[in-house]
């Protein structure tokens, strides 16, 4: 496995982790209604979106390697 492919796999795993954290935080917010859980969900979704954008940019940049 090349370093480029390892980087892409690591980004994908990070996106999945961010999605699971967001889902957990939403579930906790529905149960407890603490604002911290809502903020965690929003930040996790933002991080996941940013990671997706970063992964696409990285793939475009390293396509010819």
C-alpha atoms as a PDB file:
ATOM      1  CA  UNK A   1       0.000   0.000   0.000  1.00  0.00           C
ATOM      2  CA  UNK A   2       1.444   3.310  -1.046  1.00  0.00           C
ATOM      3  CA  UNK A   3       1.692   6.291   1.252  1.00  0.00           C
ATOM      4  CA  UNK A   4      -0.907   8.097  -0.879  1.00  0.00           C
ATOM      5  CA  UNK A   5      -3.401   5.238  -0.522  1.00  0.00           C
ATOM      6  CA  UNK A   6      -2.724   4.982   3.220  1.00  0.00           C
ATOM      7  CA  UNK A   7      -3.456   8.700   3.530  1.00  0.00           C
ATOM      8  CA  UNK A   8      -6.767   8.302   1.660  1.00  0.00           C
ATOM      9  CA  UNK A   9      -7.777   5.330   3.845  1.00  0.00           C
ATOM     10  CA  UNK A  10      -6.884   7.308   6.973  1.00  0.00           C
ATOM     11  CA  UNK A  11      -9.028  10.231   5.788  1.00  0.00           C
ATOM     12  CA  UNK A  12     -11.950   7.890   5.051  1.00  0.00           C
ATOM     13  CA  UNK A  13     -11.716   6.284   8.501  1.00  0.00           C
ATOM     14  CA  UNK A  14     -11.611   9.752  10.067  1.00  0.00           C
ATOM     15  CA  UNK A  15     -14.778  10.779   8.182  1.00  0.00           C
ATOM     16  CA  UNK A  16     -16.550   7.634   9.405  1.00  0.00           C
ATOM     17  CA  UNK A  17     -15.428   8.325  12.979  1.00  0.00           C
ATOM     18  CA  UNK A  18     -16.686  11.914  12.763  1.00  0.00           C
ATOM     19  CA  UNK A  19     -20.061  10.636  11.527  1.00  0.00           C
ATOM     20  CA  UNK A  20     -20.327   8.177  14.420  1.00  0.00           C
ATOM     21  CA  UNK A  21     -19.417  10.869  16.951  1.00  0.00           C
ATOM     22  CA  UNK A  22     -22.041  13.188  15.442  1.00  0.00           C
ATOM     23  CA  UNK A  23     -24.692  10.441  15.602  1.00  0.00           C
ATOM     24  CA  UNK A  24     -23.775   9.681  19.213  1.00  0.00           C
ATOM     25  CA  UNK A  25     -23.923  13.366  20.157  1.00  0.00           C
ATOM     26  CA  UNK A  26     -27.356  13.784  18.525  1.00  0.00           C
ATOM     27  CA  UNK A  27     -28.643  10.752  20.423  1.00  0.00           C
ATOM     28  CA  UNK A  28     -27.283  12.140  23.690  1.00  0.00           C
ATOM     29  CA  UNK A  29     -28.757  15.558  22.965  1.00  0.00           C
ATOM     30  CA  UNK A  30     -32.192  14.022  22.417  1.00  0.00           C
ATOM     31  CA  UNK A  31     -31.946  12.249  25.765  1.00  0.00           C
ATOM     32  CA  UNK A  32     -30.405  14.988  27.932  1.00  0.00           C
ATOM     33  CA  UNK A  33     -30.933  18.275  26.024  1.00  0.00           C
ATOM     34  CA  UNK A  34     -27.513  19.621  27.007  1.00  0.00           C
ATOM     35  CA  UNK A  35     -26.132  22.233  24.631  1.00  0.00           C
ATOM     36  CA  UNK A  36     -22.683  20.624  24.742  1.00  0.00           C
ATOM     37  CA  UNK A  37     -23.964  17.604  22.843  1.00  0.00           C
ATOM     38  CA  UNK A  38     -25.521  19.791  20.158  1.00  0.00           C
ATOM     39  CA  UNK A  39     -22.242  21.655  19.758  1.00  0.00           C
ATOM     40  CA  UNK A  40     -20.324  18.381  19.568  1.00  0.00           C
ATOM     41  CA  UNK A  41     -22.656  17.123  16.845  1.00  0.00           C
ATOM     42  CA  UNK A  42     -22.297  20.318  14.838  1.00  0.00           C
ATOM     43  CA  UNK A  43     -18.507  20.354  15.166  1.00  0.00           C
ATOM     44  CA  UNK A  44     -18.265  16.686  14.216  1.00  0.00           C
ATOM     45  CA  UNK A  45     -20.368  17.260  11.116  1.00  0.00           C
ATOM     46  CA  UNK A  46     -18.211  20.260  10.199  1.00  0.00           C
ATOM     47  CA  UNK A  47     -15.046  18.220  10.715  1.00  0.00           C
ATOM     48  CA  UNK A  48     -16.425  15.397   8.568  1.00  0.00           C
ATOM     49  CA  UNK A  49     -17.307  17.823   5.790  1.00  0.00           C
ATOM     50  CA  UNK A  50     -13.894  19.431   5.984  1.00  0.00           C
ATOM     51  CA  UNK A  51     -12.217  16.041   5.819  1.00  0.00           C
ATOM     52  CA  UNK A  52     -14.226  15.149   2.731  1.00  0.00           C
ATOM     53  CA  UNK A  53     -13.174  18.407   1.057  1.00  0.00           C
ATOM     54  CA  UNK A  54      -9.565  17.815   2.091  1.00  0.00           C
ATOM     55  CA  UNK A  55      -9.647  14.251   0.746  1.00  0.00           C
ATOM     56  CA  UNK A  56     -10.979  15.423  -2.613  1.00  0.00           C
ATOM     57  CA  UNK A  57      -8.343  18.160  -2.843  1.00  0.00           C
ATOM     58  CA  UNK A  58      -5.590  15.740  -1.845  1.00  0.00           C
ATOM     59  CA  UNK A  59      -6.720  13.229  -4.458  1.00  0.00           C
ATOM     60  CA  UNK A  60      -6.761  15.902  -7.160  1.00  0.00           C
ATOM     61  CA  UNK A  61      -3.340  17.183  -6.141  1.00  0.00           C
ATOM     62  CA  UNK A  62      -1.666  13.753  -6.039  1.00  0.00           C
ATOM     63  CA  UNK A  63      -3.461  12.130  -8.969  1.00  0.00           C
ATOM     64  CA  UNK A  64      -0.347  12.170 -11.157  1.00  0.00           C
ATOM     65  CA  UNK A  65       2.022  10.693  -8.572  1.00  0.00           C
END
